[in-house]
């Protein structure tokens, strides 16, 4: 997702589909500190936690890819 996307909007959309999020961090380039279009999402422990990997509906009408760290 684009680095300018509002973090709270992402948090709310994930909450609506049943995934409670602890923290969302926008990754930065190591040398230039420029924001990247990469977000790290830390979710709360839950029974459906692994279900977030299979989430294919996208967020904010964008195709997304969710991977384990």
PDB file of N, CA and C in Angstrom:
ATOM      1  N   UNK A   1       0.843  -1.172   0.000  1.00  0.00           N
ATOM      2  CA  UNK A   1       0.000   0.000   0.000  1.00  0.00           C
ATOM      3  C   UNK A   1       0.890   1.238   0.000  1.00  0.00           C
ATOM      4  N   UNK A   2       0.377   2.299  -0.529  1.00  0.00           N
ATOM      5  CA  UNK A   2       1.142   3.537  -0.593  1.00  0.00           C
ATOM      6  C   UNK A   2       1.435   4.040   0.815  1.00  0.00           C
ATOM      7  N   UNK A   3       2.615   4.617   0.999  1.00  0.00           N
ATOM      8  CA  UNK A   3       3.031   5.053   2.334  1.00  0.00           C
ATOM      9  C   UNK A   3       2.179   6.184   2.898  1.00  0.00           C
ATOM     10  N   UNK A   4       1.428   6.872   2.060  1.00  0.00           N
ATOM     11  CA  UNK A   4       0.596   7.968   2.550  1.00  0.00           C
ATOM     12  C   UNK A   4      -0.781   7.499   3.040  1.00  0.00           C
ATOM     13  N   UNK A   5      -1.067   6.200   2.907  1.00  0.00           N
ATOM     14  CA  UNK A   5      -2.347   5.653   3.360  1.00  0.00           C
ATOM     15  C   UNK A   5      -2.479   5.827   4.869  1.00  0.00           C
ATOM     16  N   UNK A   6      -3.645   6.272   5.312  1.00  0.00           N
ATOM     17  CA  UNK A   6      -3.885   6.500   6.739  1.00  0.00           C
ATOM     18  C   UNK A   6      -3.883   5.173   7.489  1.00  0.00           C
ATOM     19  N   UNK A   7      -3.026   5.066   8.488  1.00  0.00           N
ATOM     20  CA  UNK A   7      -2.869   3.855   9.291  1.00  0.00           C
ATOM     21  C   UNK A   7      -4.175   3.482  10.001  1.00  0.00           C
ATOM     22  N   UNK A   8      -4.893   4.457  10.490  1.00  0.00           N
ATOM     23  CA  UNK A   8      -6.142   4.187  11.209  1.00  0.00           C
ATOM     24  C   UNK A   8      -7.210   3.609  10.281  1.00  0.00           C
ATOM     25  N   UNK A   9      -7.204   4.003   9.012  1.00  0.00           N
ATOM     26  CA  UNK A   9      -8.145   3.419   8.050  1.00  0.00           C
ATOM     27  C   UNK A   9      -7.847   1.939   7.844  1.00  0.00           C
ATOM     28  N   UNK A  10      -6.572   1.585   7.758  1.00  0.00           N
ATOM     29  CA  UNK A  10      -6.173   0.191   7.605  1.00  0.00           C
ATOM     30  C   UNK A  10      -6.575  -0.597   8.839  1.00  0.00           C
ATOM     31  N   UNK A  11      -6.299  -0.038  10.013  1.00  0.00           N
ATOM     32  CA  UNK A  11      -6.648  -0.693  11.272  1.00  0.00           C
ATOM     33  C   UNK A  11      -8.156  -0.961  11.345  1.00  0.00           C
ATOM     34  N   UNK A  12      -8.960   0.025  10.957  1.00  0.00           N
ATOM     35  CA  UNK A  12     -10.417  -0.103  11.012  1.00  0.00           C
ATOM     36  C   UNK A  12     -10.921  -1.172  10.042  1.00  0.00           C
ATOM     37  N   UNK A  13     -10.372  -1.207   8.832  1.00  0.00           N
ATOM     38  CA  UNK A  13     -10.808  -2.205   7.851  1.00  0.00           C
ATOM     39  C   UNK A  13     -10.465  -3.615   8.310  1.00  0.00           C
ATOM     40  N   UNK A  14      -9.289  -3.806   8.894  1.00  0.00           N
ATOM     41  CA  UNK A  14      -8.923  -5.125   9.403  1.00  0.00           C
ATOM     42  C   UNK A  14      -9.802  -5.523  10.587  1.00  0.00           C
ATOM     43  N   UNK A  15     -10.153  -4.558  11.419  1.00  0.00           N
ATOM     44  CA  UNK A  15     -11.038  -4.827  12.548  1.00  0.00           C
ATOM     45  C   UNK A  15     -12.419  -5.264  12.064  1.00  0.00           C
ATOM     46  N   UNK A  16     -12.896  -4.655  10.992  1.00  0.00           N
ATOM     47  CA  UNK A  16     -14.210  -4.988  10.443  1.00  0.00           C
ATOM     48  C   UNK A  16     -14.289  -6.420   9.929  1.00  0.00           C
ATOM     49  N   UNK A  17     -13.151  -6.973   9.495  1.00  0.00           N
ATOM     50  CA  UNK A  17     -13.146  -8.362   9.014  1.00  0.00           C
ATOM     51  C   UNK A  17     -12.668  -9.334  10.091  1.00  0.00           C
ATOM     52  N   UNK A  18     -12.516  -8.840  11.337  1.00  0.00           N
ATOM     53  CA  UNK A  18     -12.249  -9.714  12.462  1.00  0.00           C
ATOM     54  C   UNK A  18     -10.807  -9.858  12.889  1.00  0.00           C
ATOM     55  N   UNK A  19      -9.932  -8.942  12.472  1.00  0.00           N
ATOM     56  CA  UNK A  19      -8.526  -9.013  12.849  1.00  0.00           C
ATOM     57  C   UNK A  19      -8.154  -7.779  13.666  1.00  0.00           C
ATOM     58  N   UNK A  20      -7.931  -7.980  14.974  1.00  0.00           N
ATOM     59  CA  UNK A  20      -7.564  -6.886  15.859  1.00  0.00           C
ATOM     60  C   UNK A  20      -6.064  -6.625  15.733  1.00  0.00           C
ATOM     61  N   UNK A  21      -5.681  -5.388  15.475  1.00  0.00           N
ATOM     62  CA  UNK A  21      -4.298  -5.023  15.198  1.00  0.00           C
ATOM     63  C   UNK A  21      -3.701  -4.249  16.369  1.00  0.00           C
ATOM     64  N   UNK A  22      -2.512  -4.657  16.789  1.00  0.00           N
ATOM     65  CA  UNK A  22      -1.790  -3.938  17.844  1.00  0.00           C
ATOM     66  C   UNK A  22      -1.094  -2.701  17.303  1.00  0.00           C
ATOM     67  N   UNK A  23      -0.360  -2.896  16.208  1.00  0.00           N
ATOM     68  CA  UNK A  23       0.491  -1.823  15.706  1.00  0.00           C
ATOM     69  C   UNK A  23       0.666  -1.967  14.202  1.00  0.00           C
ATOM     70  N   UNK A  24       0.769  -0.832  13.515  1.00  0.00           N
ATOM     71  CA  UNK A  24       1.071  -0.806  12.090  1.00  0.00           C
ATOM     72  C   UNK A  24       2.230   0.168  11.902  1.00  0.00           C
ATOM     73  N   UNK A  25       3.300  -0.326  11.258  1.00  0.00           N
ATOM     74  CA  UNK A  25       4.500   0.492  11.073  1.00  0.00           C
ATOM     75  C   UNK A  25       4.809   0.586   9.585  1.00  0.00           C
ATOM     76  N   UNK A  26       5.092   1.789   9.119  1.00  0.00           N
ATOM     77  CA  UNK A  26       5.491   2.007   7.738  1.00  0.00           C
ATOM     78  C   UNK A  26       7.001   1.809   7.654  1.00  0.00           C
ATOM     79  N   UNK A  27       7.453   0.882   6.801  1.00  0.00           N
ATOM     80  CA  UNK A  27       8.880   0.608   6.637  1.00  0.00           C
ATOM     81  C   UNK A  27       9.562   1.785   5.945  1.00  0.00           C
ATOM     82  N   UNK A  28      10.850   1.969   6.274  1.00  0.00           N
ATOM     83  CA  UNK A  28      11.646   3.040   5.677  1.00  0.00           C
ATOM     84  C   UNK A  28      12.913   2.476   5.056  1.00  0.00           C
ATOM     85  N   UNK A  29      13.406   3.165   4.030  1.00  0.00           N
ATOM     86  CA  UNK A  29      14.673   2.809   3.423  1.00  0.00           C
ATOM     87  C   UNK A  29      15.781   2.997   4.452  1.00  0.00           C
ATOM     88  N   UNK A  30      16.704   2.036   4.556  1.00  0.00           N
ATOM     89  CA  UNK A  30      17.753   2.098   5.583  1.00  0.00           C
ATOM     90  C   UNK A  30      18.651   3.318   5.462  1.00  0.00           C
ATOM     91  N   UNK A  31      19.010   3.687   4.259  1.00  0.00           N
ATOM     92  CA  UNK A  31      19.966   4.780   4.091  1.00  0.00           C
ATOM     93  C   UNK A  31      19.309   6.149   3.957  1.00  0.00           C
ATOM     94  N   UNK A  32      18.245   6.235   3.174  1.00  0.00           N
ATOM     95  CA  UNK A  32      17.645   7.545   2.914  1.00  0.00           C
ATOM     96  C   UNK A  32      16.520   7.895   3.877  1.00  0.00           C
ATOM     97  N   UNK A  33      16.022   6.903   4.606  1.00  0.00           N
ATOM     98  CA  UNK A  33      14.893   7.079   5.535  1.00  0.00           C
ATOM     99  C   UNK A  33      13.606   7.490   4.832  1.00  0.00           C
ATOM    100  N   UNK A  34      13.560   7.284   3.520  1.00  0.00           N
ATOM    101  CA  UNK A  34      12.337   7.549   2.755  1.00  0.00           C
ATOM    102  C   UNK A  34      11.319   6.454   3.069  1.00  0.00           C
ATOM    103  N   UNK A  35      10.039   6.805   3.212  1.00  0.00           N
ATOM    104  CA  UNK A  35       9.030   5.771   3.471  1.00  0.00           C
ATOM    105  C   UNK A  35       8.863   4.864   2.256  1.00  0.00           C
ATOM    106  N   UNK A  36       8.699   3.573   2.517  1.00  0.00           N
ATOM    107  CA  UNK A  36       8.461   2.590   1.469  1.00  0.00           C
ATOM    108  C   UNK A  36       6.977   2.239   1.430  1.00  0.00           C
ATOM    109  N   UNK A  37       6.551   1.653   0.343  1.00  0.00           N
ATOM    110  CA  UNK A  37       5.164   1.209   0.216  1.00  0.00           C
ATOM    111  C   UNK A  37       5.037  -0.191   0.806  1.00  0.00           C
ATOM    112  N   UNK A  38       5.469  -0.320   2.059  1.00  0.00           N
ATOM    113  CA  UNK A  38       5.495  -1.582   2.778  1.00  0.00           C
ATOM    114  C   UNK A  38       5.100  -1.313   4.223  1.00  0.00           C
ATOM    115  N   UNK A  39       4.137  -2.061   4.710  1.00  0.00           N
ATOM    116  CA  UNK A  39       3.672  -1.878   6.081  1.00  0.00           C
ATOM    117  C   UNK A  39       3.862  -3.161   6.874  1.00  0.00           C
ATOM    118  N   UNK A  40       4.307  -3.030   8.120  1.00  0.00           N
ATOM    119  CA  UNK A  40       4.389  -4.144   9.043  1.00  0.00           C
ATOM    120  C   UNK A  40       3.184  -4.065   9.964  1.00  0.00           C
ATOM    121  N   UNK A  41       2.398  -5.134  10.010  1.00  0.00           N
ATOM    122  CA  UNK A  41       1.184  -5.169  10.813  1.00  0.00           C
ATOM    123  C   UNK A  41       1.360  -6.213  11.910  1.00  0.00           C
ATOM    124  N   UNK A  42       1.220  -5.795  13.159  1.00  0.00           N
ATOM    125  CA  UNK A  42       1.316  -6.680  14.318  1.00  0.00           C
ATOM    126  C   UNK A  42      -0.096  -6.901  14.833  1.00  0.00           C
ATOM    127  N   UNK A  43      -0.577  -8.146  14.724  1.00  0.00           N
ATOM    128  CA  UNK A  43      -1.957  -8.428  15.129  1.00  0.00           C
ATOM    129  C   UNK A  43      -2.006  -9.091  16.500  1.00  0.00           C
ATOM    130  N   UNK A  44      -3.134  -8.938  17.143  1.00  0.00           N
ATOM    131  CA  UNK A  44      -3.364  -9.557  18.451  1.00  0.00           C
ATOM    132  C   UNK A  44      -3.498 -11.067  18.281  1.00  0.00           C
ATOM    133  N   UNK A  45      -3.047 -11.846  19.275  1.00  0.00           N
ATOM    134  CA  UNK A  45      -3.250 -13.291  19.206  1.00  0.00           C
ATOM    135  C   UNK A  45      -4.741 -13.617  19.164  1.00  0.00           C
ATOM    136  N   UNK A  46      -5.116 -14.499  18.254  1.00  0.00           N
ATOM    137  CA  UNK A  46      -6.521 -14.892  18.109  1.00  0.00           C
ATOM    138  C   UNK A  46      -6.581 -16.211  17.351  1.00  0.00           C
ATOM    139  N   UNK A  47      -7.722 -16.861  17.433  1.00  0.00           N
ATOM    140  CA  UNK A  47      -7.904 -18.127  16.731  1.00  0.00           C
ATOM    141  C   UNK A  47      -7.809 -17.950  15.217  1.00  0.00           C
ATOM    142  N   UNK A  48      -8.279 -16.834  14.710  1.00  0.00           N
ATOM    143  CA  UNK A  48      -8.292 -16.608  13.263  1.00  0.00           C
ATOM    144  C   UNK A  48      -7.051 -15.862  12.779  1.00  0.00           C
ATOM    145  N   UNK A  49      -5.998 -15.826  13.571  1.00  0.00           N
ATOM    146  CA  UNK A  49      -4.794 -15.068  13.213  1.00  0.00           C
ATOM    147  C   UNK A  49      -4.207 -15.533  11.885  1.00  0.00           C
ATOM    148  N   UNK A  50      -4.169 -16.839  11.660  1.00  0.00           N
ATOM    149  CA  UNK A  50      -3.614 -17.338  10.403  1.00  0.00           C
ATOM    150  C   UNK A  50      -4.521 -17.023   9.219  1.00  0.00           C
ATOM    151  N   UNK A  51      -5.780 -16.723   9.478  1.00  0.00           N
ATOM    152  CA  UNK A  51      -6.710 -16.377   8.415  1.00  0.00           C
ATOM    153  C   UNK A  51      -6.359 -15.080   7.709  1.00  0.00           C
ATOM    154  N   UNK A  52      -5.590 -14.222   8.356  1.00  0.00           N
ATOM    155  CA  UNK A  52      -5.211 -12.952   7.729  1.00  0.00           C
ATOM    156  C   UNK A  52      -4.277 -13.191   6.541  1.00  0.00           C
ATOM    157  N   UNK A  53      -3.529 -14.302   6.558  1.00  0.00           N
ATOM    158  CA  UNK A  53      -2.640 -14.630   5.445  1.00  0.00           C
ATOM    159  C   UNK A  53      -3.450 -14.916   4.182  1.00  0.00           C
ATOM    160  N   UNK A  54      -4.622 -15.513   4.337  1.00  0.00           N
ATOM    161  CA  UNK A  54      -5.470 -15.860   3.201  1.00  0.00           C
ATOM    162  C   UNK A  54      -6.397 -14.727   2.782  1.00  0.00           C
ATOM    163  N   UNK A  55      -6.292 -13.566   3.426  1.00  0.00           N
ATOM    164  CA  UNK A  55      -7.182 -12.446   3.119  1.00  0.00           C
ATOM    165  C   UNK A  55      -6.844 -11.898   1.732  1.00  0.00           C
ATOM    166  N   UNK A  56      -7.726 -12.093   0.783  1.00  0.00           N
ATOM    167  CA  UNK A  56      -7.475 -11.717  -0.610  1.00  0.00           C
ATOM    168  C   UNK A  56      -8.379 -10.589  -1.101  1.00  0.00           C
ATOM    169  N   UNK A  57      -9.254 -10.067  -0.240  1.00  0.00           N
ATOM    170  CA  UNK A  57     -10.207  -9.057  -0.679  1.00  0.00           C
ATOM    171  C   UNK A  57      -9.577  -7.695  -0.902  1.00  0.00           C
ATOM    172  N   UNK A  58      -8.393  -7.463  -0.354  1.00  0.00           N
ATOM    173  CA  UNK A  58      -7.737  -6.178  -0.503  1.00  0.00           C
ATOM    174  C   UNK A  58      -8.219  -5.184   0.544  1.00  0.00           C
ATOM    175  N   UNK A  59      -7.518  -4.103   0.648  1.00  0.00           N
ATOM    176  CA  UNK A  59      -7.863  -3.023   1.555  1.00  0.00           C
ATOM    177  C   UNK A  59      -7.974  -1.742   0.765  1.00  0.00           C
ATOM    178  N   UNK A  60      -8.985  -0.982   1.048  1.00  0.00           N
ATOM    179  CA  UNK A  60      -9.227   0.306   0.384  1.00  0.00           C
ATOM    180  C   UNK A  60      -9.185   0.167  -1.144  1.00  0.00           C
ATOM    181  N   UNK A  61      -9.833  -0.891  -1.639  1.00  0.00           N
ATOM    182  CA  UNK A  61      -9.931  -1.155  -3.077  1.00  0.00           C
ATOM    183  C   UNK A  61      -8.574  -1.338  -3.745  1.00  0.00           C
ATOM    184  N   UNK A  62      -7.604  -1.856  -2.997  1.00  0.00           N
ATOM    185  CA  UNK A  62      -6.272  -2.124  -3.536  1.00  0.00           C
ATOM    186  C   UNK A  62      -5.949  -3.604  -3.324  1.00  0.00           C
ATOM    187  N   UNK A  63      -5.276  -4.197  -4.289  1.00  0.00           N
ATOM    188  CA  UNK A  63      -4.826  -5.564  -4.137  1.00  0.00           C
ATOM    189  C   UNK A  63      -3.623  -5.563  -3.198  1.00  0.00           C
ATOM    190  N   UNK A  64      -3.662  -6.458  -2.212  1.00  0.00           N
ATOM    191  CA  UNK A  64      -2.575  -6.501  -1.233  1.00  0.00           C
ATOM    192  C   UNK A  64      -2.031  -7.926  -1.154  1.00  0.00           C
ATOM    193  N   UNK A  65      -0.827  -8.041  -0.619  1.00  0.00           N
ATOM    194  CA  UNK A  65      -0.237  -9.337  -0.351  1.00  0.00           C
ATOM    195  C   UNK A  65       0.217  -9.344   1.093  1.00  0.00           C
ATOM    196  N   UNK A  66      -0.254 -10.322   1.854  1.00  0.00           N
ATOM    197  CA  UNK A  66       0.104 -10.423   3.266  1.00  0.00           C
ATOM    198  C   UNK A  66       1.031 -11.623   3.422  1.00  0.00           C
ATOM    199  N   UNK A  67       2.180 -11.403   4.078  1.00  0.00           N
ATOM    200  CA  UNK A  67       3.167 -12.459   4.292  1.00  0.00           C
ATOM    201  C   UNK A  67       3.537 -12.532   5.752  1.00  0.00           C
ATOM    202  N   UNK A  68       3.999 -13.711   6.159  1.00  0.00           N
ATOM    203  CA  UNK A  68       4.545 -13.852   7.507  1.00  0.00           C
ATOM    204  C   UNK A  68       5.896 -13.162   7.565  1.00  0.00           C
ATOM    205  N   UNK A  69       6.303 -12.702   8.762  1.00  0.00           N
ATOM    206  CA  UNK A  69       7.619 -12.031   8.858  1.00  0.00           C
ATOM    207  C   UNK A  69       8.760 -12.993   8.605  1.00  0.00           C
TER     208      UNK A  69
END
